[in-house]
Every structure is written in C-alpha cells, then in structure tokens.
Amino acid sequence: MAKRKQWVVASPAGRLAVADEREKQAIVAACEMFIRDVLKPRFLPEIRPTEWNYVIDIRGSWAAGRYRFMQRYRSGMEHNRGEEFNAAFARIDRVGPDQFDIYWMRHTGKWWRLYAGKTLFEALRILETDGILHPV
C-alpha cells in the first residue's frame, strides 16, 4: 500500500531570539571575561612565533544574536610574513532568554550544533570542559 503524502509544519531551525541592548552587553561582558580569565591563560600563555601560521590572540565577536570565539593567527611564512587572519572555533547562539545553543566549527568550515538550550553559565562551563570546543 502506498503512503499518502502529508504536509507537516516544522519549526524554523536556527532562528535566533533578539536580545535587548542590556542583555547583549551582559552576554558580551561574560564572554570577554571568560576569554580573559580562562581561555587565554590556558591556551595562549605566551606567543610563540614559528615559520608557519601561529596564534597571537584569542578574541570574540558578537553579531546577529551570536557570539563567536576566534583565534587570531599571524603568518610566519616568507611570502606573506606578518599577515593576520581570524579562525573561529566555537560559537554560542542566543535562542531565548538565557537559552543558548553551542556550535563547533568543523574542519569543513561548517558549524555543527553540539548542545542546545543551555544557560549562559552552562554554555561557558561546557566551552571550558569539552575538549572538542577548545582552540587548536
């Protein structure tokens, strides 16, 4: 017997909730403090120049309801010595009041959701403890 086709209403995937300016500033401040107090001391205690690309900073950026965690690289190669670029390694998306999804940047350049519906405190704790979300 053939199955009948049926329309299904699906919730939009990846829809971000808009944060007011005060909440946005609180999220950005918490993330910057996390970078300063946890990520930099643990993953970038000193800058070690090499003949290849090397990390010079860990920073973050808020855009469109998302906070991306990035490493800043500098090239040590002869043909482009001194050029710099960012490479994101993790991201949190605000999906509701104090609700965040946590994404990991795959080697393919695609974001992959690992956790959903976490509070900001839980999200930062997961970023600290889950090795797949750590900077390289």
C-alpha atoms as a PDB file:
ATOM      1  CA  MET A   1       0.000   0.000   0.000  1.00  0.00           C
ATOM      2  CA  ALA A   2       1.419   3.407  -0.981  1.00  0.00           C
ATOM      3  CA  LYS A   3       1.917   6.018   1.718  1.00  0.00           C
ATOM      4  CA  ARG A   4      -0.024   9.257   1.419  1.00  0.00           C
ATOM      5  CA  LYS A   5       1.945  12.482   1.301  1.00  0.00           C
ATOM      6  CA  GLN A   6       1.207  14.881   4.100  1.00  0.00           C
ATOM      7  CA  TRP A   7       2.287  18.455   4.847  1.00  0.00           C
ATOM      8  CA  VAL A   8       3.949  18.995   8.214  1.00  0.00           C
ATOM      9  CA  VAL A   9       4.604  22.305   9.938  1.00  0.00           C
ATOM     10  CA  ALA A  10       8.199  22.411  11.170  1.00  0.00           C
ATOM     11  CA  SER A  11       9.713  24.980  13.481  1.00  0.00           C
ATOM     12  CA  PRO A  12      12.370  27.111  11.786  1.00  0.00           C
ATOM     13  CA  ALA A  13      15.814  25.715  12.569  1.00  0.00           C
ATOM     14  CA  GLY A  14      18.437  28.119  13.773  1.00  0.00           C
ATOM     15  CA  ARG A  15      16.066  31.013  14.484  1.00  0.00           C
ATOM     16  CA  LEU A  16      17.757  33.416  16.876  1.00  0.00           C
ATOM     17  CA  ALA A  17      15.941  35.370  19.556  1.00  0.00           C
ATOM     18  CA  VAL A  18      16.642  39.103  19.616  1.00  0.00           C
ATOM     19  CA  ALA A  19      18.373  40.337  22.768  1.00  0.00           C
ATOM     20  CA  ASP A  20      17.866  43.858  24.051  1.00  0.00           C
ATOM     21  CA  GLU A  21      20.951  46.058  24.372  1.00  0.00           C
ATOM     22  CA  ARG A  22      21.355  45.458  28.117  1.00  0.00           C
ATOM     23  CA  GLU A  23      21.245  41.675  27.776  1.00  0.00           C
ATOM     24  CA  LYS A  24      23.580  41.784  24.782  1.00  0.00           C
ATOM     25  CA  GLN A  25      26.136  43.796  26.776  1.00  0.00           C
ATOM     26  CA  ALA A  26      25.882  41.326  29.683  1.00  0.00           C
ATOM     27  CA  ILE A  27      26.492  38.372  27.323  1.00  0.00           C
ATOM     28  CA  VAL A  28      29.450  40.084  25.655  1.00  0.00           C
ATOM     29  CA  ALA A  29      30.954  41.050  29.043  1.00  0.00           C
ATOM     30  CA  ALA A  30      30.627  37.478  30.371  1.00  0.00           C
ATOM     31  CA  CYS A  31      32.214  36.039  27.221  1.00  0.00           C
ATOM     32  CA  GLU A  32      35.086  38.547  27.261  1.00  0.00           C
ATOM     33  CA  MET A  33      35.757  37.770  30.921  1.00  0.00           C
ATOM     34  CA  PHE A  34      35.721  34.043  30.041  1.00  0.00           C
ATOM     35  CA  ILE A  35      38.265  34.630  27.274  1.00  0.00           C
ATOM     36  CA  ARG A  36      40.488  36.750  29.546  1.00  0.00           C
ATOM     37  CA  ASP A  37      40.300  34.540  32.646  1.00  0.00           C
ATOM     38  CA  VAL A  38      40.012  31.018  31.176  1.00  0.00           C
ATOM     39  CA  LEU A  39      40.909  30.671  27.505  1.00  0.00           C
ATOM     40  CA  LYS A  40      43.959  32.944  27.235  1.00  0.00           C
ATOM     41  CA  PRO A  41      45.771  31.699  30.356  1.00  0.00           C
ATOM     42  CA  ARG A  42      45.080  28.072  29.447  1.00  0.00           C
ATOM     43  CA  PHE A  43      45.549  28.050  25.658  1.00  0.00           C
ATOM     44  CA  LEU A  44      47.731  31.096  24.955  1.00  0.00           C
ATOM     45  CA  PRO A  45      50.039  31.746  27.932  1.00  0.00           C
ATOM     46  CA  GLU A  46      52.668  33.109  25.508  1.00  0.00           C
ATOM     47  CA  ILE A  47      53.023  33.840  21.801  1.00  0.00           C
ATOM     48  CA  ARG A  48      55.475  31.525  20.069  1.00  0.00           C
ATOM     49  CA  PRO A  49      56.376  32.697  16.536  1.00  0.00           C
ATOM     50  CA  THR A  50      57.042  29.930  14.021  1.00  0.00           C
ATOM     51  CA  GLU A  51      57.817  29.725  10.317  1.00  0.00           C
ATOM     52  CA  TRP A  52      54.155  28.784   9.724  1.00  0.00           C
ATOM     53  CA  ASN A  53      50.895  30.333  10.976  1.00  0.00           C
ATOM     54  CA  TYR A  54      50.879  30.856  14.734  1.00  0.00           C
ATOM     55  CA  VAL A  55      48.288  32.087  17.253  1.00  0.00           C
ATOM     56  CA  ILE A  56      48.721  35.623  18.575  1.00  0.00           C
ATOM     57  CA  ASP A  57      45.371  36.202  20.293  1.00  0.00           C
ATOM     58  CA  ILE A  58      42.048  34.690  21.349  1.00  0.00           C
ATOM     59  CA  ARG A  59      39.097  37.017  20.957  1.00  0.00           C
ATOM     60  CA  GLY A  60      35.350  37.098  20.470  1.00  0.00           C
ATOM     61  CA  SER A  61      32.755  38.859  18.400  1.00  0.00           C
ATOM     62  CA  TRP A  62      29.007  39.446  18.765  1.00  0.00           C
ATOM     63  CA  ALA A  63      26.910  39.587  15.600  1.00  0.00           C
ATOM     64  CA  ALA A  64      23.220  38.920  14.932  1.00  0.00           C
ATOM     65  CA  GLY A  65      22.499  37.143  18.223  1.00  0.00           C
ATOM     66  CA  ARG A  66      25.652  35.014  18.124  1.00  0.00           C
ATOM     67  CA  TYR A  67      28.955  35.212  19.955  1.00  0.00           C
ATOM     68  CA  ARG A  68      31.878  33.645  18.088  1.00  0.00           C
ATOM     69  CA  PHE A  69      35.113  32.625  19.797  1.00  0.00           C
ATOM     70  CA  MET A  70      38.110  33.045  17.474  1.00  0.00           C
ATOM     71  CA  GLN A  71      41.848  32.664  17.347  1.00  0.00           C
ATOM     72  CA  ARG A  72      43.879  35.399  15.663  1.00  0.00           C
ATOM     73  CA  TYR A  73      46.762  33.989  13.581  1.00  0.00           C
ATOM     74  CA  ARG A  74      49.853  35.635  12.131  1.00  0.00           C
ATOM     75  CA  SER A  75      51.792  34.174   9.239  1.00  0.00           C
ATOM     76  CA  GLY A  76      55.479  33.466   9.640  1.00  0.00           C
ATOM     77  CA  MET A  77      55.901  32.225   6.061  1.00  0.00           C
ATOM     78  CA  GLU A  78      58.326  34.073   3.809  1.00  0.00           C
ATOM     79  CA  HIS A  79      55.822  35.038   1.097  1.00  0.00           C
ATOM     80  CA  ASN A  80      53.234  36.589   3.460  1.00  0.00           C
ATOM     81  CA  ARG A  81      55.082  37.183   6.732  1.00  0.00           C
ATOM     82  CA  GLY A  82      53.087  39.304   9.167  1.00  0.00           C
ATOM     83  CA  GLU A  83      49.657  38.899   7.557  1.00  0.00           C
ATOM     84  CA  GLU A  84      46.907  38.100  10.061  1.00  0.00           C
ATOM     85  CA  PHE A  85      43.546  36.328   9.976  1.00  0.00           C
ATOM     86  CA  ASN A  86      40.843  35.031  12.333  1.00  0.00           C
ATOM     87  CA  ALA A  87      39.679  31.427  12.626  1.00  0.00           C
ATOM     88  CA  ALA A  88      36.531  30.723  14.642  1.00  0.00           C
ATOM     89  CA  PHE A  89      36.475  27.573  16.772  1.00  0.00           C
ATOM     90  CA  ALA A  90      33.218  27.809  18.771  1.00  0.00           C
ATOM     91  CA  ARG A  91      30.011  29.825  18.851  1.00  0.00           C
ATOM     92  CA  ILE A  92      27.020  30.334  21.121  1.00  0.00           C
ATOM     93  CA  ASP A  93      23.655  31.350  19.658  1.00  0.00           C
ATOM     94  CA  ARG A  94      21.034  33.060  21.805  1.00  0.00           C
ATOM     95  CA  VAL A  95      17.776  31.214  21.134  1.00  0.00           C
ATOM     96  CA  GLY A  96      15.742  32.599  24.047  1.00  0.00           C
ATOM     97  CA  PRO A  97      16.043  34.357  27.383  1.00  0.00           C
ATOM     98  CA  ASP A  98      19.200  32.837  28.918  1.00  0.00           C
ATOM     99  CA  GLN A  99      18.990  29.952  26.430  1.00  0.00           C
ATOM    100  CA  PHE A 100      21.919  29.189  24.122  1.00  0.00           C
ATOM    101  CA  ASP A 101      22.883  26.596  21.548  1.00  0.00           C
ATOM    102  CA  ILE A 102      26.595  25.730  21.333  1.00  0.00           C
ATOM    103  CA  TYR A 103      28.254  25.184  17.971  1.00  0.00           C
ATOM    104  CA  TRP A 104      31.636  23.814  16.950  1.00  0.00           C
ATOM    105  CA  MET A 105      33.457  24.820  13.750  1.00  0.00           C
ATOM    106  CA  ARG A 106      34.246  21.644  11.835  1.00  0.00           C
ATOM    107  CA  HIS A 107      37.332  21.281   9.660  1.00  0.00           C
ATOM    108  CA  THR A 108      34.960  21.569   6.682  1.00  0.00           C
ATOM    109  CA  GLY A 109      34.156  25.181   7.566  1.00  0.00           C
ATOM    110  CA  LYS A 110      30.596  24.294   8.641  1.00  0.00           C
ATOM    111  CA  TRP A 111      29.117  24.964  12.060  1.00  0.00           C
ATOM    112  CA  TRP A 112      27.884  21.869  13.914  1.00  0.00           C
ATOM    113  CA  ARG A 113      25.472  22.158  16.859  1.00  0.00           C
ATOM    114  CA  LEU A 114      26.655  20.085  19.817  1.00  0.00           C
ATOM    115  CA  TYR A 115      24.427  21.356  22.645  1.00  0.00           C
ATOM    116  CA  ALA A 116      21.007  23.021  22.739  1.00  0.00           C
ATOM    117  CA  GLY A 117      19.069  25.051  25.303  1.00  0.00           C
ATOM    118  CA  LYS A 118      21.838  25.766  27.814  1.00  0.00           C
ATOM    119  CA  THR A 119      22.047  28.787  30.102  1.00  0.00           C
ATOM    120  CA  LEU A 120      24.945  31.195  29.588  1.00  0.00           C
ATOM    121  CA  PHE A 121      26.666  29.824  32.694  1.00  0.00           C
ATOM    122  CA  GLU A 122      26.253  26.236  31.441  1.00  0.00           C
ATOM    123  CA  ALA A 123      27.438  27.203  27.944  1.00  0.00           C
ATOM    124  CA  LEU A 124      30.645  28.789  29.236  1.00  0.00           C
ATOM    125  CA  ARG A 125      31.256  25.795  31.512  1.00  0.00           C
ATOM    126  CA  ILE A 126      30.841  23.435  28.540  1.00  0.00           C
ATOM    127  CA  LEU A 127      33.245  25.574  26.479  1.00  0.00           C
ATOM    128  CA  GLU A 128      35.747  25.212  29.319  1.00  0.00           C
ATOM    129  CA  THR A 129      35.407  21.456  29.761  1.00  0.00           C
ATOM    130  CA  ASP A 130      34.533  19.925  26.359  1.00  0.00           C
ATOM    131  CA  GLY A 131      37.817  19.406  24.510  1.00  0.00           C
ATOM    132  CA  ILE A 132      36.257  19.480  21.039  1.00  0.00           C
ATOM    133  CA  LEU A 133      35.293  23.131  21.644  1.00  0.00           C
ATOM    134  CA  HIS A 134      38.786  24.213  22.695  1.00  0.00           C
ATOM    135  CA  PRO A 135      41.004  26.310  20.447  1.00  0.00           C
ATOM    136  CA  VAL A 136      43.552  24.287  18.481  1.00  0.00           C
END
